[in-house]
Amino acid sequence: HLHPQSVDIAQGVDASGNKDIGAGDQ
């Protein structure tokens, strides 16, 4: 029962533009 990662989490973790890869959680 493995499903796709939340897009809300992905946008915080993934690098984009000038944003580096973020921590996957606090």
PDB file of all heavy atoms in Angstrom:
ATOM      1  N   HIS A   1       0.852  -1.195   0.000  1.00  0.00           N
ATOM      2  CA  HIS A   1       0.000   0.000   0.000  1.00  0.00           C
ATOM      3  C   HIS A   1       0.892   1.252   0.000  1.00  0.00           C
ATOM      4  O   HIS A   1       0.831   2.081   0.908  1.00  0.00           O
ATOM      5  CB  HIS A   1      -0.912   0.000   1.227  1.00  0.00           C
ATOM      6  CG  HIS A   1      -1.806  -1.189   1.325  1.00  0.00           C
ATOM      7  ND1 HIS A   1      -2.937  -1.339   0.549  1.00  0.00           N
ATOM      8  CD2 HIS A   1      -1.729  -2.311   2.094  1.00  0.00           C
ATOM      9  CE1 HIS A   1      -3.528  -2.489   0.847  1.00  0.00           C
ATOM     10  NE2 HIS A   1      -2.815  -3.094   1.781  1.00  0.00           N
ATOM     11  N   LEU A   2       1.712   1.368  -1.019  1.00  0.00           N
ATOM     12  CA  LEU A   2       2.587   2.523  -1.181  1.00  0.00           C
ATOM     13  C   LEU A   2       1.991   3.435  -2.251  1.00  0.00           C
ATOM     14  O   LEU A   2       1.667   2.981  -3.349  1.00  0.00           O
ATOM     15  CB  LEU A   2       3.987   2.083  -1.589  1.00  0.00           C
ATOM     16  CG  LEU A   2       4.769   1.308  -0.508  1.00  0.00           C
ATOM     17  CD1 LEU A   2       5.998   0.638  -1.102  1.00  0.00           C
ATOM     18  CD2 LEU A   2       5.177   2.227   0.629  1.00  0.00           C
ATOM     19  N   HIS A   3       1.809   4.711  -1.928  1.00  0.00           N
ATOM     20  CA  HIS A   3       1.186   5.648  -2.853  1.00  0.00           C
ATOM     21  C   HIS A   3       2.119   6.824  -3.124  1.00  0.00           C
ATOM     22  O   HIS A   3       3.137   6.991  -2.438  1.00  0.00           O
ATOM     23  CB  HIS A   3      -0.156   6.134  -2.294  1.00  0.00           C
ATOM     24  CG  HIS A   3      -0.038   6.828  -0.977  1.00  0.00           C
ATOM     25  ND1 HIS A   3      -0.180   6.175   0.230  1.00  0.00           N
ATOM     26  CD2 HIS A   3       0.215   8.124  -0.663  1.00  0.00           C
ATOM     27  CE1 HIS A   3      -0.023   7.033   1.220  1.00  0.00           C
ATOM     28  NE2 HIS A   3       0.224   8.217   0.704  1.00  0.00           N
ATOM     29  N   PRO A   4       1.802   7.661  -4.113  1.00  0.00           N
ATOM     30  CA  PRO A   4       2.710   8.762  -4.469  1.00  0.00           C
ATOM     31  C   PRO A   4       2.923   9.746  -3.320  1.00  0.00           C
ATOM     32  O   PRO A   4       2.017  10.011  -2.523  1.00  0.00           O
ATOM     33  CB  PRO A   4       2.000   9.435  -5.649  1.00  0.00           C
ATOM     34  CG  PRO A   4       1.150   8.361  -6.238  1.00  0.00           C
ATOM     35  CD  PRO A   4       0.693   7.531  -5.073  1.00  0.00           C
ATOM     36  N   GLN A   5       4.129  10.320  -3.284  1.00  0.00           N
ATOM     37  CA  GLN A   5       4.467  11.307  -2.268  1.00  0.00           C
ATOM     38  C   GLN A   5       3.569  12.533  -2.396  1.00  0.00           C
ATOM     39  O   GLN A   5       3.209  12.957  -3.490  1.00  0.00           O
ATOM     40  CB  GLN A   5       5.924  11.744  -2.418  1.00  0.00           C
ATOM     41  CG  GLN A   5       6.391  12.734  -1.357  1.00  0.00           C
ATOM     42  CD  GLN A   5       7.764  13.310  -1.648  1.00  0.00           C
ATOM     43  OE1 GLN A   5       8.056  13.673  -2.786  1.00  0.00           O
ATOM     44  NE2 GLN A   5       8.606  13.405  -0.633  1.00  0.00           N
ATOM     45  N   SER A   6       3.225  13.119  -1.259  1.00  0.00           N
ATOM     46  CA  SER A   6       2.416  14.335  -1.222  1.00  0.00           C
ATOM     47  C   SER A   6       3.097  15.454  -2.010  1.00  0.00           C
ATOM     48  O   SER A   6       4.291  15.727  -1.830  1.00  0.00           O
ATOM     49  CB  SER A   6       2.215  14.781   0.232  1.00  0.00           C
ATOM     50  OG  SER A   6       1.850  16.147   0.305  1.00  0.00           O
ATOM     51  N   VAL A   7       2.330  16.128  -2.859  1.00  0.00           N
ATOM     52  CA  VAL A   7       2.900  17.242  -3.623  1.00  0.00           C
ATOM     53  C   VAL A   7       3.239  18.409  -2.700  1.00  0.00           C
ATOM     54  O   VAL A   7       4.134  19.217  -2.999  1.00  0.00           O
ATOM     55  CB  VAL A   7       1.925  17.702  -4.728  1.00  0.00           C
ATOM     56  CG1 VAL A   7       1.759  16.614  -5.773  1.00  0.00           C
ATOM     57  CG2 VAL A   7       0.573  18.104  -4.142  1.00  0.00           C
ATOM     58  N   ASP A   8       2.548  18.514  -1.566  1.00  0.00           N
ATOM     59  CA  ASP A   8       2.854  19.585  -0.615  1.00  0.00           C
ATOM     60  C   ASP A   8       4.229  19.389   0.013  1.00  0.00           C
ATOM     61  O   ASP A   8       4.973  20.361   0.220  1.00  0.00           O
ATOM     62  CB  ASP A   8       1.787  19.635   0.492  1.00  0.00           C
ATOM     63  CG  ASP A   8       0.435  20.078  -0.030  1.00  0.00           C
ATOM     64  OD1 ASP A   8       0.388  20.628  -1.146  1.00  0.00           O
ATOM     65  OD2 ASP A   8      -0.569  19.875   0.677  1.00  0.00           O
ATOM     66  N   ILE A   9       4.558  18.139   0.335  1.00  0.00           N
ATOM     67  CA  ILE A   9       5.899  17.852   0.859  1.00  0.00           C
ATOM     68  C   ILE A   9       6.938  18.029  -0.232  1.00  0.00           C
ATOM     69  O   ILE A   9       8.005  18.623  -0.014  1.00  0.00           O
ATOM     70  CB  ILE A   9       5.956  16.425   1.440  1.00  0.00           C
ATOM     71  CG1 ILE A   9       5.055  16.324   2.688  1.00  0.00           C
ATOM     72  CG2 ILE A   9       7.390  16.033   1.771  1.00  0.00           C
ATOM     73  CD1 ILE A   9       4.968  14.926   3.269  1.00  0.00           C
ATOM     74  N   ALA A  10       6.629  17.549  -1.430  1.00  0.00           N
ATOM     75  CA  ALA A  10       7.595  17.601  -2.531  1.00  0.00           C
ATOM     76  C   ALA A  10       8.020  19.029  -2.844  1.00  0.00           C
ATOM     77  O   ALA A  10       9.195  19.297  -3.122  1.00  0.00           O
ATOM     78  CB  ALA A  10       7.006  16.948  -3.775  1.00  0.00           C
ATOM     79  N   GLN A  11       7.074  19.988  -2.815  1.00  0.00           N
ATOM     80  CA  GLN A  11       7.433  21.360  -3.182  1.00  0.00           C
ATOM     81  C   GLN A  11       8.395  21.992  -2.177  1.00  0.00           C
ATOM     82  O   GLN A  11       9.155  22.898  -2.507  1.00  0.00           O
ATOM     83  CB  GLN A  11       6.176  22.219  -3.312  1.00  0.00           C
ATOM     84  CG  GLN A  11       5.490  22.549  -1.999  1.00  0.00           C
ATOM     85  CD  GLN A  11       4.293  23.476  -2.178  1.00  0.00           C
ATOM     86  OE1 GLN A  11       3.981  23.886  -3.298  1.00  0.00           O
ATOM     87  NE2 GLN A  11       3.621  23.792  -1.086  1.00  0.00           N
ATOM     88  N   GLY A  12       8.384  21.503  -0.929  1.00  0.00           N
ATOM     89  CA  GLY A  12       9.318  22.016   0.065  1.00  0.00           C
ATOM     90  C   GLY A  12      10.685  21.379  -0.036  1.00  0.00           C
ATOM     91  O   GLY A  12      11.696  22.004   0.284  1.00  0.00           O
ATOM     92  N   VAL A  13      10.718  20.132  -0.482  1.00  0.00           N
ATOM     93  CA  VAL A  13      11.977  19.387  -0.509  1.00  0.00           C
ATOM     94  C   VAL A  13      12.726  19.578  -1.817  1.00  0.00           C
ATOM     95  O   VAL A  13      13.949  19.740  -1.831  1.00  0.00           O
ATOM     96  CB  VAL A  13      11.707  17.882  -0.260  1.00  0.00           C
ATOM     97  CG1 VAL A  13      12.995  17.082  -0.402  1.00  0.00           C
ATOM     98  CG2 VAL A  13      11.087  17.673   1.109  1.00  0.00           C
ATOM     99  N   ASP A  14      12.022  19.597  -2.937  1.00  0.00           N
ATOM    100  CA  ASP A  14      12.676  19.631  -4.236  1.00  0.00           C
ATOM    101  C   ASP A  14      13.358  20.966  -4.502  1.00  0.00           C
ATOM    102  O   ASP A  14      12.888  22.028  -4.077  1.00  0.00           O
ATOM    103  CB  ASP A  14      11.657  19.369  -5.351  1.00  0.00           C
ATOM    104  CG  ASP A  14      11.130  17.946  -5.324  1.00  0.00           C
ATOM    105  OD1 ASP A  14      11.733  17.105  -4.633  1.00  0.00           O
ATOM    106  OD2 ASP A  14      10.112  17.686  -5.988  1.00  0.00           O
ATOM    107  N   ALA A  15      14.471  20.898  -5.227  1.00  0.00           N
ATOM    108  CA  ALA A  15      15.139  22.115  -5.684  1.00  0.00           C
ATOM    109  C   ALA A  15      14.353  22.701  -6.848  1.00  0.00           C
ATOM    110  O   ALA A  15      13.823  21.980  -7.695  1.00  0.00           O
ATOM    111  CB  ALA A  15      16.557  21.796  -6.119  1.00  0.00           C
ATOM    112  N   SER A  16      14.279  24.055  -6.908  1.00  0.00           N
ATOM    113  CA  SER A  16      13.614  24.717  -8.027  1.00  0.00           C
ATOM    114  C   SER A  16      14.105  26.156  -8.098  1.00  0.00           C
ATOM    115  O   SER A  16      14.174  26.847  -7.077  1.00  0.00           O
ATOM    116  CB  SER A  16      12.090  24.691  -7.851  1.00  0.00           C
ATOM    117  OG  SER A  16      11.702  25.359  -6.674  1.00  0.00           O
ATOM    118  N   GLY A  17      14.447  26.605  -9.301  1.00  0.00           N
ATOM    119  CA  GLY A  17      14.952  27.962  -9.449  1.00  0.00           C
ATOM    120  C   GLY A  17      16.198  28.171  -8.603  1.00  0.00           C
ATOM    121  O   GLY A  17      17.181  27.454  -8.727  1.00  0.00           O
ATOM    122  N   ASN A  18      16.146  29.184  -7.721  1.00  0.00           N
ATOM    123  CA  ASN A  18      17.267  29.453  -6.825  1.00  0.00           C
ATOM    124  C   ASN A  18      17.159  28.695  -5.507  1.00  0.00           C
ATOM    125  O   ASN A  18      17.990  28.888  -4.615  1.00  0.00           O
ATOM    126  CB  ASN A  18      17.358  30.962  -6.536  1.00  0.00           C
ATOM    127  CG  ASN A  18      17.723  31.752  -7.781  1.00  0.00           C
ATOM    128  OD1 ASN A  18      18.490  31.271  -8.617  1.00  0.00           O
ATOM    129  ND2 ASN A  18      17.158  32.948  -7.915  1.00  0.00           N
ATOM    130  N   LYS A  19      16.132  27.886  -5.360  1.00  0.00           N
ATOM    131  CA  LYS A  19      15.907  27.154  -4.107  1.00  0.00           C
ATOM    132  C   LYS A  19      16.668  25.839  -4.119  1.00  0.00           C
ATOM    133  O   LYS A  19      16.538  25.034  -5.046  1.00  0.00           O
ATOM    134  CB  LYS A  19      14.412  26.890  -3.901  1.00  0.00           C
ATOM    135  CG  LYS A  19      14.102  26.088  -2.647  1.00  0.00           C
ATOM    136  CD  LYS A  19      12.625  25.752  -2.575  1.00  0.00           C
ATOM    137  CE  LYS A  19      12.323  24.834  -1.401  1.00  0.00           C
ATOM    138  NZ  LYS A  19      13.024  23.539  -1.502  1.00  0.00           N
ATOM    139  N   ASP A  20      17.465  25.585  -3.079  1.00  0.00           N
ATOM    140  CA  ASP A  20      18.195  24.323  -2.946  1.00  0.00           C
ATOM    141  C   ASP A  20      17.258  23.262  -2.382  1.00  0.00           C
ATOM    142  O   ASP A  20      16.147  23.553  -1.919  1.00  0.00           O
ATOM    143  CB  ASP A  20      19.401  24.512  -2.017  1.00  0.00           C
ATOM    144  CG  ASP A  20      20.426  23.397  -2.160  1.00  0.00           C
ATOM    145  OD1 ASP A  20      20.211  22.477  -2.987  1.00  0.00           O
ATOM    146  OD2 ASP A  20      21.446  23.444  -1.448  1.00  0.00           O
ATOM    147  N   ILE A  21      17.713  22.014  -2.394  1.00  0.00           N
ATOM    148  CA  ILE A  21      16.943  20.926  -1.795  1.00  0.00           C
ATOM    149  C   ILE A  21      16.732  21.218  -0.322  1.00  0.00           C
ATOM    150  O   ILE A  21      17.680  21.505   0.420  1.00  0.00           O
ATOM    151  CB  ILE A  21      17.679  19.584  -1.967  1.00  0.00           C
ATOM    152  CG1 ILE A  21      17.759  19.216  -3.452  1.00  0.00           C
ATOM    153  CG2 ILE A  21      16.982  18.483  -1.187  1.00  0.00           C
ATOM    154  CD1 ILE A  21      18.621  17.995  -3.717  1.00  0.00           C
ATOM    155  N   GLY A  22      15.485  21.167   0.129  1.00  0.00           N
ATOM    156  CA  GLY A  22      15.168  21.439   1.521  1.00  0.00           C
ATOM    157  C   GLY A  22      15.111  20.167   2.344  1.00  0.00           C
ATOM    158  O   GLY A  22      15.044  19.048   1.819  1.00  0.00           O
ATOM    159  N   ALA A  23      15.140  20.332   3.664  1.00  0.00           N
ATOM    160  CA  ALA A  23      15.011  19.188   4.563  1.00  0.00           C
ATOM    161  C   ALA A  23      13.632  18.565   4.395  1.00  0.00           C
ATOM    162  O   ALA A  23      12.634  19.263   4.205  1.00  0.00           O
ATOM    163  CB  ALA A  23      15.219  19.628   6.006  1.00  0.00           C
ATOM    164  N   GLY A  24      13.573  17.236   4.479  1.00  0.00           N
ATOM    165  CA  GLY A  24      12.313  16.531   4.306  1.00  0.00           C
ATOM    166  C   GLY A  24      11.364  16.673   5.474  1.00  0.00           C
ATOM    167  O   GLY A  24      10.192  16.314   5.377  1.00  0.00           O
ATOM    168  N   ASP A  25      11.839  17.201   6.581  1.00  0.00           N
ATOM    169  CA  ASP A  25      10.985  17.431   7.744  1.00  0.00           C
ATOM    170  C   ASP A  25      11.754  18.288   8.733  1.00  0.00           C
ATOM    171  O   ASP A  25      12.971  18.446   8.639  1.00  0.00           O
ATOM    172  CB  ASP A  25      10.586  16.103   8.402  1.00  0.00           C
ATOM    173  CG  ASP A  25       9.326  16.218   9.261  1.00  0.00           C
ATOM    174  OD1 ASP A  25       8.850  17.354   9.465  1.00  0.00           O
ATOM    175  OD2 ASP A  25       8.835  15.179   9.715  1.00  0.00           O
ATOM    176  N   GLN A  26      11.024  18.849   9.700  1.00  0.00           N
ATOM    177  CA  GLN A  26      11.710  19.508  10.798  1.00  0.00           C
ATOM    178  C   GLN A  26      12.221  18.448  11.764  1.00  0.00           C
ATOM    179  O   GLN A  26      11.794  17.290  11.715  1.00  0.00           O
ATOM    180  CB  GLN A  26      10.761  20.440  11.544  1.00  0.00           C
ATOM    181  CG  GLN A  26       9.686  19.704  12.357  1.00  0.00           C
ATOM    182  CD  GLN A  26       8.837  20.657  13.168  1.00  0.00           C
ATOM    183  OE1 GLN A  26       8.361  21.655  12.642  1.00  0.00           O
ATOM    184  NE2 GLN A  26       8.641  20.356  14.435  1.00  0.00           N
TER     185      GLN A  26
END
